[in-house]
Amino acid sequence: MATATKKKPEKKADKKIGGSPGVLIALPCRLKGKSTSPKKISIGCTIAKEFITPSKAYDLLVFRRITAKLAVGKVAAATAAGQGKLPGLEDVDHEIEAVIQTSRVSMGDEDYSITLNFNLKELDGDESKLAGFAGRDALLTIKSVGELTADDLDDEDPDAPDEEADDDSDE
């Protein structure tokens, strides 16, 4: 008599799926241009489809707040153990660990495109912490994933001065 076996549930983003403790996944990527606004710095990023499935990309990168390390240079090549040497990595090391917001993933023929948004407050207002990242090959090591909240998506700065007085003068 045959016994039925249960299908194992698909791994969720909150479980350990990377090879290192405390790492969900490490993704070799290519950083694009950098743009700065009064509250954030955004860096475009492409990830080859060979490194992540569409469902995992959705689970980890669509409307998410990720705690991650972004590294370029020797430090990224050394961390990408088992993935081979990443082409284009120079000898200069740049690394930052931060909470990064992502909102969507665009799927191309060979890669995914995302925008990594860094809150300037978290960087202590120091844009130079991201100097040397744009236009480089990198390693994005995701350590934890959470969903964005309405506050994260709000364009208004909660620390901005109250402007009700200006609205009252129009009456």
N, C-alpha and C. Protein backbone atom coordinates (compact mmCIF):
# COMPACT_ATOMS: atom_id res chain seq x y z
N MET A 1 0.84 -1.17 0.00
CA MET A 1 0.00 0.00 0.00
C MET A 1 0.89 1.25 0.00
N ALA A 2 0.62 2.16 -0.90
CA ALA A 2 1.41 3.38 -1.02
C ALA A 2 0.93 4.41 -0.01
N THR A 3 1.87 5.15 0.53
CA THR A 3 1.49 6.20 1.46
C THR A 3 1.65 7.55 0.78
N ALA A 4 0.76 8.43 1.09
CA ALA A 4 0.80 9.76 0.49
C ALA A 4 1.85 10.59 1.21
N THR A 5 2.60 11.34 0.45
CA THR A 5 3.58 12.24 1.05
C THR A 5 3.12 13.67 0.83
N LYS A 6 3.33 14.47 1.84
CA LYS A 6 2.95 15.88 1.73
C LYS A 6 4.00 16.64 0.95
N LYS A 7 3.52 17.57 0.14
CA LYS A 7 4.43 18.46 -0.57
C LYS A 7 5.01 19.45 0.42
N LYS A 8 6.30 19.70 0.32
CA LYS A 8 6.92 20.70 1.19
C LYS A 8 6.48 22.08 0.72
N PRO A 9 6.14 22.95 1.66
CA PRO A 9 5.74 24.30 1.27
C PRO A 9 6.94 25.06 0.68
N GLU A 10 6.63 25.97 -0.23
CA GLU A 10 7.68 26.77 -0.85
C GLU A 10 8.32 27.64 0.22
N LYS A 11 9.63 27.82 0.12
CA LYS A 11 10.35 28.64 1.09
C LYS A 11 9.89 30.09 0.97
N LYS A 12 9.64 30.68 2.10
CA LYS A 12 9.24 32.09 2.15
C LYS A 12 10.46 32.96 2.33
N ALA A 13 10.32 34.23 2.03
CA ALA A 13 11.44 35.16 2.11
C ALA A 13 11.98 35.31 3.52
N ASP A 14 11.17 35.02 4.53
CA ASP A 14 11.65 35.23 5.90
C ASP A 14 12.47 34.05 6.41
N LYS A 15 12.65 33.01 5.63
CA LYS A 15 13.48 31.88 6.03
C LYS A 15 14.86 32.02 5.41
N LYS A 16 15.83 31.35 6.00
CA LYS A 16 17.19 31.40 5.49
C LYS A 16 17.28 30.62 4.19
N ILE A 17 17.62 31.30 3.08
CA ILE A 17 17.76 30.61 1.81
C ILE A 17 19.16 30.76 1.25
N GLY A 18 19.98 31.59 1.88
CA GLY A 18 21.35 31.77 1.43
C GLY A 18 22.25 30.75 2.11
N GLY A 19 23.51 30.68 1.69
CA GLY A 19 24.44 29.72 2.27
C GLY A 19 25.04 30.19 3.58
N SER A 20 25.01 31.47 3.88
CA SER A 20 25.63 32.01 5.09
C SER A 20 24.57 32.30 6.14
N PRO A 21 24.92 32.12 7.41
CA PRO A 21 23.96 32.44 8.47
C PRO A 21 23.60 33.93 8.43
N GLY A 22 22.33 34.23 8.62
CA GLY A 22 21.89 35.62 8.63
C GLY A 22 21.75 36.24 7.25
N VAL A 23 21.91 35.45 6.19
CA VAL A 23 21.80 35.96 4.82
C VAL A 23 20.66 35.25 4.12
N LEU A 24 19.71 36.03 3.58
CA LEU A 24 18.64 35.43 2.80
C LEU A 24 19.14 35.04 1.42
N ILE A 25 19.83 35.98 0.76
CA ILE A 25 20.33 35.72 -0.59
C ILE A 25 21.41 36.76 -0.93
N ALA A 26 22.39 36.34 -1.70
CA ALA A 26 23.43 37.25 -2.20
C ALA A 26 23.32 37.28 -3.71
N LEU A 27 23.14 38.48 -4.27
CA LEU A 27 22.88 38.63 -5.69
C LEU A 27 23.94 39.49 -6.37
N PRO A 28 24.71 38.92 -7.28
CA PRO A 28 25.59 39.76 -8.10
C PRO A 28 24.71 40.69 -8.94
N CYS A 29 25.11 41.93 -9.06
CA CYS A 29 24.28 42.89 -9.80
C CYS A 29 25.16 43.95 -10.45
N ARG A 30 24.54 44.75 -11.29
CA ARG A 30 25.21 45.88 -11.95
C ARG A 30 24.48 47.14 -11.52
N LEU A 31 25.22 48.06 -10.90
CA LEU A 31 24.63 49.33 -10.46
C LEU A 31 24.64 50.32 -11.61
N LYS A 32 23.59 51.08 -11.73
CA LYS A 32 23.45 52.08 -12.80
C LYS A 32 23.68 53.47 -12.20
N GLY A 33 23.01 54.43 -12.78
CA GLY A 33 23.16 55.82 -12.33
C GLY A 33 22.58 56.08 -10.95
N LYS A 34 23.02 57.18 -10.36
CA LYS A 34 22.58 57.59 -9.02
C LYS A 34 21.85 58.91 -9.14
N SER A 35 20.73 59.04 -8.45
CA SER A 35 20.03 60.32 -8.40
C SER A 35 19.77 60.67 -6.94
N THR A 36 19.73 61.97 -6.67
CA THR A 36 19.57 62.46 -5.30
C THR A 36 18.38 63.40 -5.23
N SER A 37 17.58 63.23 -4.20
CA SER A 37 16.48 64.15 -3.91
C SER A 37 16.71 64.66 -2.48
N PRO A 38 15.90 65.58 -2.01
CA PRO A 38 16.12 66.10 -0.66
C PRO A 38 16.07 65.03 0.44
N LYS A 39 15.36 63.92 0.21
CA LYS A 39 15.21 62.92 1.27
C LYS A 39 15.86 61.58 0.98
N LYS A 40 16.25 61.32 -0.27
CA LYS A 40 16.78 59.99 -0.57
C LYS A 40 17.79 60.02 -1.71
N ILE A 41 18.55 58.95 -1.78
CA ILE A 41 19.46 58.69 -2.90
C ILE A 41 18.98 57.39 -3.54
N SER A 42 18.82 57.40 -4.85
CA SER A 42 18.37 56.22 -5.57
C SER A 42 19.45 55.76 -6.52
N ILE A 43 19.66 54.45 -6.57
CA ILE A 43 20.62 53.86 -7.49
C ILE A 43 19.91 52.76 -8.26
N GLY A 44 19.96 52.83 -9.58
CA GLY A 44 19.39 51.78 -10.41
C GLY A 44 20.25 50.53 -10.30
N CYS A 45 19.63 49.37 -10.46
CA CYS A 45 20.33 48.11 -10.28
C CYS A 45 19.73 47.06 -11.21
N THR A 46 20.58 46.28 -11.89
CA THR A 46 20.09 45.16 -12.68
C THR A 46 20.68 43.87 -12.12
N ILE A 47 19.85 42.84 -12.12
CA ILE A 47 20.24 41.52 -11.61
C ILE A 47 19.93 40.50 -12.71
N ALA A 48 20.92 39.71 -13.09
CA ALA A 48 20.72 38.70 -14.12
C ALA A 48 19.70 37.67 -13.66
N LYS A 49 18.83 37.24 -14.59
CA LYS A 49 17.78 36.28 -14.25
C LYS A 49 18.34 34.94 -13.78
N GLU A 50 19.57 34.63 -14.14
CA GLU A 50 20.15 33.35 -13.72
C GLU A 50 20.35 33.27 -12.20
N PHE A 51 20.34 34.41 -11.50
CA PHE A 51 20.62 34.42 -10.07
C PHE A 51 19.38 34.41 -9.19
N ILE A 52 18.19 34.65 -9.76
CA ILE A 52 16.97 34.71 -8.94
C ILE A 52 15.75 34.41 -9.81
N THR A 53 14.82 33.66 -9.26
CA THR A 53 13.61 33.31 -10.00
C THR A 53 12.62 34.48 -9.95
N PRO A 54 11.66 34.51 -10.87
CA PRO A 54 10.67 35.59 -10.83
C PRO A 54 9.89 35.64 -9.51
N SER A 55 9.50 34.49 -8.98
CA SER A 55 8.73 34.51 -7.73
C SER A 55 9.58 35.00 -6.56
N LYS A 56 10.83 34.62 -6.51
CA LYS A 56 11.72 35.07 -5.44
C LYS A 56 12.01 36.57 -5.59
N ALA A 57 12.17 37.04 -6.84
CA ALA A 57 12.37 38.48 -7.08
C ALA A 57 11.16 39.26 -6.56
N TYR A 58 9.98 38.75 -6.83
CA TYR A 58 8.77 39.40 -6.34
C TYR A 58 8.74 39.40 -4.80
N ASP A 59 8.99 38.23 -4.20
CA ASP A 59 8.94 38.10 -2.74
C ASP A 59 9.95 39.01 -2.03
N LEU A 60 11.13 39.18 -2.62
CA LEU A 60 12.20 39.91 -1.94
C LEU A 60 12.31 41.38 -2.34
N LEU A 61 11.78 41.75 -3.52
CA LEU A 61 12.12 43.08 -4.05
C LEU A 61 10.94 43.98 -4.42
N VAL A 62 9.71 43.51 -4.37
CA VAL A 62 8.57 44.35 -4.76
C VAL A 62 7.92 44.94 -3.52
N PHE A 63 7.92 46.27 -3.41
CA PHE A 63 7.39 47.01 -2.27
C PHE A 63 7.94 46.46 -0.96
N ARG A 64 9.26 46.45 -0.87
CA ARG A 64 9.93 45.89 0.30
C ARG A 64 10.88 46.89 0.95
N ARG A 65 11.10 46.65 2.22
CA ARG A 65 12.14 47.35 2.99
C ARG A 65 13.13 46.24 3.34
N ILE A 66 14.30 46.29 2.70
CA ILE A 66 15.28 45.23 2.91
C ILE A 66 16.46 45.75 3.73
N THR A 67 16.94 44.93 4.62
CA THR A 67 18.19 45.22 5.31
C THR A 67 19.24 44.47 4.50
N ALA A 68 20.19 45.22 3.96
CA ALA A 68 21.13 44.60 3.03
C ALA A 68 22.49 45.25 3.10
N LYS A 69 23.45 44.54 2.57
CA LYS A 69 24.80 45.08 2.39
C LYS A 69 25.02 45.17 0.89
N LEU A 70 25.51 46.32 0.45
CA LEU A 70 25.85 46.53 -0.94
C LEU A 70 27.35 46.75 -1.01
N ALA A 71 28.03 45.91 -1.78
CA ALA A 71 29.49 45.97 -1.82
C ALA A 71 29.98 45.96 -3.26
N VAL A 72 31.01 46.75 -3.52
CA VAL A 72 31.70 46.75 -4.81
C VAL A 72 33.20 46.61 -4.54
N GLY A 73 33.94 46.11 -5.52
CA GLY A 73 35.38 45.96 -5.37
C GLY A 73 35.75 44.58 -4.86
N LYS A 74 36.94 44.46 -4.30
CA LYS A 74 37.44 43.17 -3.79
C LYS A 74 36.50 42.56 -2.77
N VAL A 75 35.91 43.42 -1.94
CA VAL A 75 35.04 42.94 -0.89
C VAL A 75 33.84 42.19 -1.47
N ALA A 76 33.33 42.64 -2.61
CA ALA A 76 32.20 41.96 -3.25
C ALA A 76 32.65 40.66 -3.88
N ALA A 77 33.80 40.66 -4.51
CA ALA A 77 34.31 39.44 -5.15
C ALA A 77 34.57 38.36 -4.10
N ALA A 78 35.11 38.76 -2.95
CA ALA A 78 35.41 37.80 -1.88
C ALA A 78 34.14 37.23 -1.28
N THR A 79 33.07 38.03 -1.21
CA THR A 79 31.83 37.61 -0.62
C THR A 79 31.02 36.71 -1.55
N ALA A 80 31.26 36.81 -2.84
CA ALA A 80 30.48 36.05 -3.82
C ALA A 80 31.02 34.63 -3.97
N ALA A 81 31.37 34.02 -2.86
CA ALA A 81 31.94 32.67 -2.88
C ALA A 81 31.01 31.71 -3.61
N GLY A 82 31.61 30.89 -4.43
CA GLY A 82 30.83 29.91 -5.17
C GLY A 82 30.14 30.46 -6.40
N GLN A 83 30.19 31.75 -6.62
CA GLN A 83 29.53 32.34 -7.77
C GLN A 83 30.55 32.78 -8.81
N GLY A 84 31.82 32.48 -8.59
CA GLY A 84 32.84 32.88 -9.54
C GLY A 84 33.20 34.34 -9.38
N LYS A 85 34.24 34.75 -10.05
CA LYS A 85 34.68 36.15 -9.99
C LYS A 85 33.70 37.01 -10.77
N LEU A 86 33.30 38.09 -10.17
CA LEU A 86 32.40 39.01 -10.85
C LEU A 86 33.21 39.89 -11.79
N PRO A 87 32.84 39.93 -13.06
CA PRO A 87 33.59 40.75 -14.01
C PRO A 87 33.44 42.24 -13.70
N GLY A 88 34.48 43.00 -13.94
CA GLY A 88 34.40 44.45 -13.81
C GLY A 88 34.64 44.98 -12.42
N LEU A 89 34.95 44.14 -11.46
CA LEU A 89 35.19 44.64 -10.11
C LEU A 89 36.61 45.16 -10.00
N GLU A 90 36.74 46.42 -9.65
CA GLU A 90 38.06 47.01 -9.48
C GLU A 90 38.60 46.68 -8.10
N ASP A 91 39.80 47.13 -7.83
CA ASP A 91 40.45 46.83 -6.54
C ASP A 91 39.96 47.71 -5.39
N VAL A 92 39.23 48.76 -5.70
CA VAL A 92 38.78 49.67 -4.65
C VAL A 92 37.57 49.06 -3.94
N ASP A 93 37.60 49.05 -2.62
CA ASP A 93 36.49 48.50 -1.84
C ASP A 93 35.54 49.60 -1.41
N HIS A 94 34.26 49.38 -1.64
CA HIS A 94 33.20 50.25 -1.13
C HIS A 94 32.12 49.32 -0.61
N GLU A 95 31.62 49.60 0.58
CA GLU A 95 30.62 48.74 1.18
C GLU A 95 29.73 49.58 2.07
N ILE A 96 28.44 49.29 2.03
CA ILE A 96 27.51 49.97 2.94
C ILE A 96 26.44 48.98 3.35
N GLU A 97 26.08 49.02 4.63
CA GLU A 97 24.97 48.22 5.12
C GLU A 97 23.88 49.19 5.53
N ALA A 98 22.67 48.97 5.01
CA ALA A 98 21.60 49.93 5.25
C ALA A 98 20.25 49.27 5.06
N VAL A 99 19.21 50.00 5.46
CA VAL A 99 17.85 49.61 5.13
C VAL A 99 17.53 50.30 3.81
N ILE A 100 17.13 49.51 2.84
CA ILE A 100 16.91 50.00 1.48
C ILE A 100 15.47 49.74 1.10
N GLN A 101 14.83 50.72 0.49
CA GLN A 101 13.46 50.54 0.03
C GLN A 101 13.47 50.22 -1.46
N THR A 102 12.62 49.27 -1.85
CA THR A 102 12.43 48.94 -3.26
C THR A 102 10.94 48.98 -3.52
N SER A 103 10.55 49.32 -4.76
CA SER A 103 9.12 49.38 -5.01
C SER A 103 8.65 48.44 -6.12
N ARG A 104 9.44 48.27 -7.15
CA ARG A 104 8.98 47.41 -8.24
C ARG A 104 10.17 46.74 -8.90
N VAL A 105 9.85 45.69 -9.66
CA VAL A 105 10.86 44.98 -10.44
C VAL A 105 10.39 45.00 -11.88
N SER A 106 11.25 45.45 -12.78
CA SER A 106 10.97 45.38 -14.22
C SER A 106 11.72 44.18 -14.77
N MET A 107 11.02 43.37 -15.55
CA MET A 107 11.65 42.17 -16.09
C MET A 107 11.98 42.36 -17.55
N GLY A 108 13.28 42.26 -17.87
CA GLY A 108 13.74 42.31 -19.24
C GLY A 108 13.97 40.90 -19.75
N ASP A 109 14.55 40.77 -20.93
CA ASP A 109 14.81 39.45 -21.50
C ASP A 109 15.84 38.68 -20.69
N GLU A 110 16.87 39.38 -20.18
CA GLU A 110 17.96 38.70 -19.50
C GLU A 110 18.14 39.10 -18.04
N ASP A 111 17.46 40.18 -17.61
CA ASP A 111 17.67 40.62 -16.24
C ASP A 111 16.46 41.32 -15.66
N TYR A 112 16.54 41.59 -14.36
CA TYR A 112 15.54 42.36 -13.64
C TYR A 112 16.15 43.72 -13.34
N SER A 113 15.32 44.75 -13.38
CA SER A 113 15.77 46.09 -13.01
C SER A 113 15.00 46.55 -11.79
N ILE A 114 15.72 47.09 -10.82
CA ILE A 114 15.10 47.63 -9.62
C ILE A 114 15.77 48.96 -9.29
N THR A 115 15.15 49.71 -8.41
CA THR A 115 15.75 50.93 -7.88
C THR A 115 15.94 50.74 -6.39
N LEU A 116 17.16 50.97 -5.94
CA LEU A 116 17.49 50.89 -4.52
C LEU A 116 17.40 52.30 -3.95
N ASN A 117 16.52 52.53 -3.00
CA ASN A 117 16.32 53.85 -2.40
C ASN A 117 16.88 53.88 -0.98
N PHE A 118 17.84 54.77 -0.77
CA PHE A 118 18.48 54.95 0.52
C PHE A 118 17.96 56.23 1.15
N ASN A 119 17.47 56.16 2.39
CA ASN A 119 16.99 57.33 3.11
C ASN A 119 18.19 58.14 3.58
N LEU A 120 18.23 59.43 3.22
CA LEU A 120 19.36 60.28 3.62
C LEU A 120 19.49 60.40 5.13
N LYS A 121 18.38 60.36 5.87
CA LYS A 121 18.45 60.44 7.33
C LYS A 121 19.25 59.26 7.88
N GLU A 122 19.01 58.08 7.31
CA GLU A 122 19.73 56.90 7.77
C GLU A 122 21.22 57.01 7.46
N LEU A 123 21.56 57.72 6.40
CA LEU A 123 22.96 57.92 6.03
C LEU A 123 23.53 59.15 6.72
N ASP A 124 22.81 59.68 7.71
CA ASP A 124 23.21 60.89 8.44
C ASP A 124 23.40 62.07 7.50
N GLY A 125 22.63 62.09 6.41
CA GLY A 125 22.71 63.18 5.45
C GLY A 125 23.98 63.19 4.63
N ASP A 126 24.79 62.15 4.74
CA ASP A 126 26.09 62.10 4.08
C ASP A 126 26.02 61.32 2.76
N GLU A 127 25.82 62.05 1.67
CA GLU A 127 25.73 61.43 0.34
C GLU A 127 27.02 60.73 -0.05
N SER A 128 28.15 61.15 0.51
CA SER A 128 29.43 60.57 0.13
C SER A 128 29.54 59.09 0.51
N LYS A 129 28.65 58.61 1.42
CA LYS A 129 28.68 57.20 1.78
C LYS A 129 28.36 56.30 0.58
N LEU A 130 27.72 56.88 -0.44
CA LEU A 130 27.40 56.10 -1.64
C LEU A 130 28.27 56.51 -2.83
N ALA A 131 29.30 57.29 -2.58
CA ALA A 131 30.23 57.66 -3.65
C ALA A 131 30.95 56.41 -4.14
N GLY A 132 31.15 56.30 -5.42
CA GLY A 132 31.88 55.17 -5.97
C GLY A 132 31.05 53.94 -6.24
N PHE A 133 29.72 54.00 -6.05
CA PHE A 133 28.88 52.84 -6.29
C PHE A 133 28.28 52.83 -7.70
N ALA A 134 27.84 53.96 -8.20
CA ALA A 134 27.15 54.02 -9.50
C ALA A 134 28.05 53.52 -10.62
N GLY A 135 27.44 52.76 -11.54
CA GLY A 135 28.15 52.27 -12.71
C GLY A 135 29.10 51.13 -12.44
N ARG A 136 28.93 50.41 -11.34
CA ARG A 136 29.87 49.35 -10.95
C ARG A 136 29.15 48.01 -10.81
N ASP A 137 29.88 46.93 -10.94
CA ASP A 137 29.38 45.61 -10.60
C ASP A 137 29.44 45.48 -9.09
N ALA A 138 28.45 44.81 -8.51
CA ALA A 138 28.35 44.78 -7.05
C ALA A 138 27.75 43.47 -6.58
N LEU A 139 27.70 43.33 -5.28
CA LEU A 139 27.03 42.21 -4.65
C LEU A 139 26.02 42.79 -3.67
N LEU A 140 24.74 42.44 -3.86
CA LEU A 140 23.66 42.86 -2.97
C LEU A 140 23.34 41.67 -2.08
N THR A 141 23.68 41.78 -0.79
CA THR A 141 23.45 40.70 0.17
C THR A 141 22.26 41.09 1.04
N ILE A 142 21.15 40.39 0.86
CA ILE A 142 19.92 40.70 1.59
C ILE A 142 19.89 39.88 2.86
N LYS A 143 19.73 40.59 3.99
CA LYS A 143 19.73 39.92 5.29
C LYS A 143 18.33 39.76 5.87
N SER A 144 17.44 40.71 5.61
CA SER A 144 16.06 40.58 6.05
C SER A 144 15.16 41.39 5.13
N VAL A 145 13.89 41.02 5.13
CA VAL A 145 12.92 41.64 4.23
C VAL A 145 11.65 41.96 5.01
N GLY A 146 11.15 43.18 4.82
CA GLY A 146 9.87 43.58 5.39
C GLY A 146 9.07 44.32 4.34
N GLU A 147 7.78 44.45 4.56
CA GLU A 147 6.95 45.17 3.62
C GLU A 147 7.02 46.67 3.89
N LEU A 148 6.87 47.46 2.84
CA LEU A 148 6.79 48.91 3.01
C LEU A 148 5.46 49.25 3.65
N THR A 149 5.46 50.28 4.48
CA THR A 149 4.23 50.75 5.11
C THR A 149 3.77 52.02 4.39
N ALA A 150 2.59 52.48 4.73
CA ALA A 150 2.07 53.71 4.15
C ALA A 150 3.01 54.88 4.47
N ASP A 151 3.61 54.87 5.67
CA ASP A 151 4.55 55.93 6.05
C ASP A 151 5.78 55.93 5.14
N ASP A 152 6.24 54.73 4.74
CA ASP A 152 7.39 54.63 3.85
C ASP A 152 7.09 55.23 2.49
N LEU A 153 5.83 55.09 2.05
CA LEU A 153 5.45 55.55 0.72
C LEU A 153 5.02 57.01 0.71
N ASP A 154 4.84 57.60 1.90
CA ASP A 154 4.41 58.99 2.01
C ASP A 154 5.51 59.93 1.55
N ASP A 155 5.17 60.85 0.66
CA ASP A 155 6.15 61.79 0.12
C ASP A 155 6.45 62.94 1.06
N GLU A 156 5.58 63.16 2.04
CA GLU A 156 5.80 64.28 2.94
C GLU A 156 6.79 63.92 4.02
N ASP A 157 7.62 64.86 4.37
CA ASP A 157 8.61 64.66 5.42
C ASP A 157 7.95 64.87 6.77
N PRO A 158 7.90 63.84 7.63
CA PRO A 158 7.25 64.00 8.93
C PRO A 158 7.94 65.00 9.83
N ASP A 159 9.18 65.33 9.56
CA ASP A 159 9.92 66.30 10.38
C ASP A 159 9.85 67.72 9.83
N ALA A 160 9.11 67.90 8.75
CA ALA A 160 9.01 69.23 8.15
C ALA A 160 8.19 70.14 9.06
N PRO A 161 8.47 71.45 9.04
CA PRO A 161 7.70 72.38 9.87
C PRO A 161 6.23 72.37 9.47
N ASP A 162 5.35 72.57 10.44
CA ASP A 162 3.93 72.60 10.18
C ASP A 162 3.60 73.86 9.39
N GLU A 163 2.89 73.68 8.27
CA GLU A 163 2.59 74.83 7.41
C GLU A 163 1.12 75.22 7.46
N GLU A 164 0.40 74.86 8.53
CA GLU A 164 -1.00 75.22 8.65
C GLU A 164 -1.20 76.72 8.67
N ALA A 165 -0.27 77.46 9.23
CA ALA A 165 -0.40 78.92 9.30
C ALA A 165 -0.52 79.52 7.92
N ASP A 166 0.21 78.99 6.94
CA ASP A 166 0.12 79.50 5.57
C ASP A 166 -1.25 79.23 4.99
N ASP A 167 -1.87 78.08 5.31
CA ASP A 167 -3.18 77.74 4.79
C ASP A 167 -4.24 78.66 5.38
N ASP A 168 -4.10 79.05 6.64
CA ASP A 168 -5.08 79.92 7.30
C ASP A 168 -5.10 81.33 6.70
N SER A 169 -3.99 81.78 6.18
CA SER A 169 -3.92 83.15 5.66
C SER A 169 -4.70 83.31 4.36
N ASP A 170 -5.09 82.21 3.72
CA ASP A 170 -5.84 82.28 2.47
C ASP A 170 -7.32 82.50 2.71
N GLU A 171 -7.78 82.41 3.94
CA GLU A 171 -9.21 82.53 4.21
C GLU A 171 -9.67 83.94 4.21
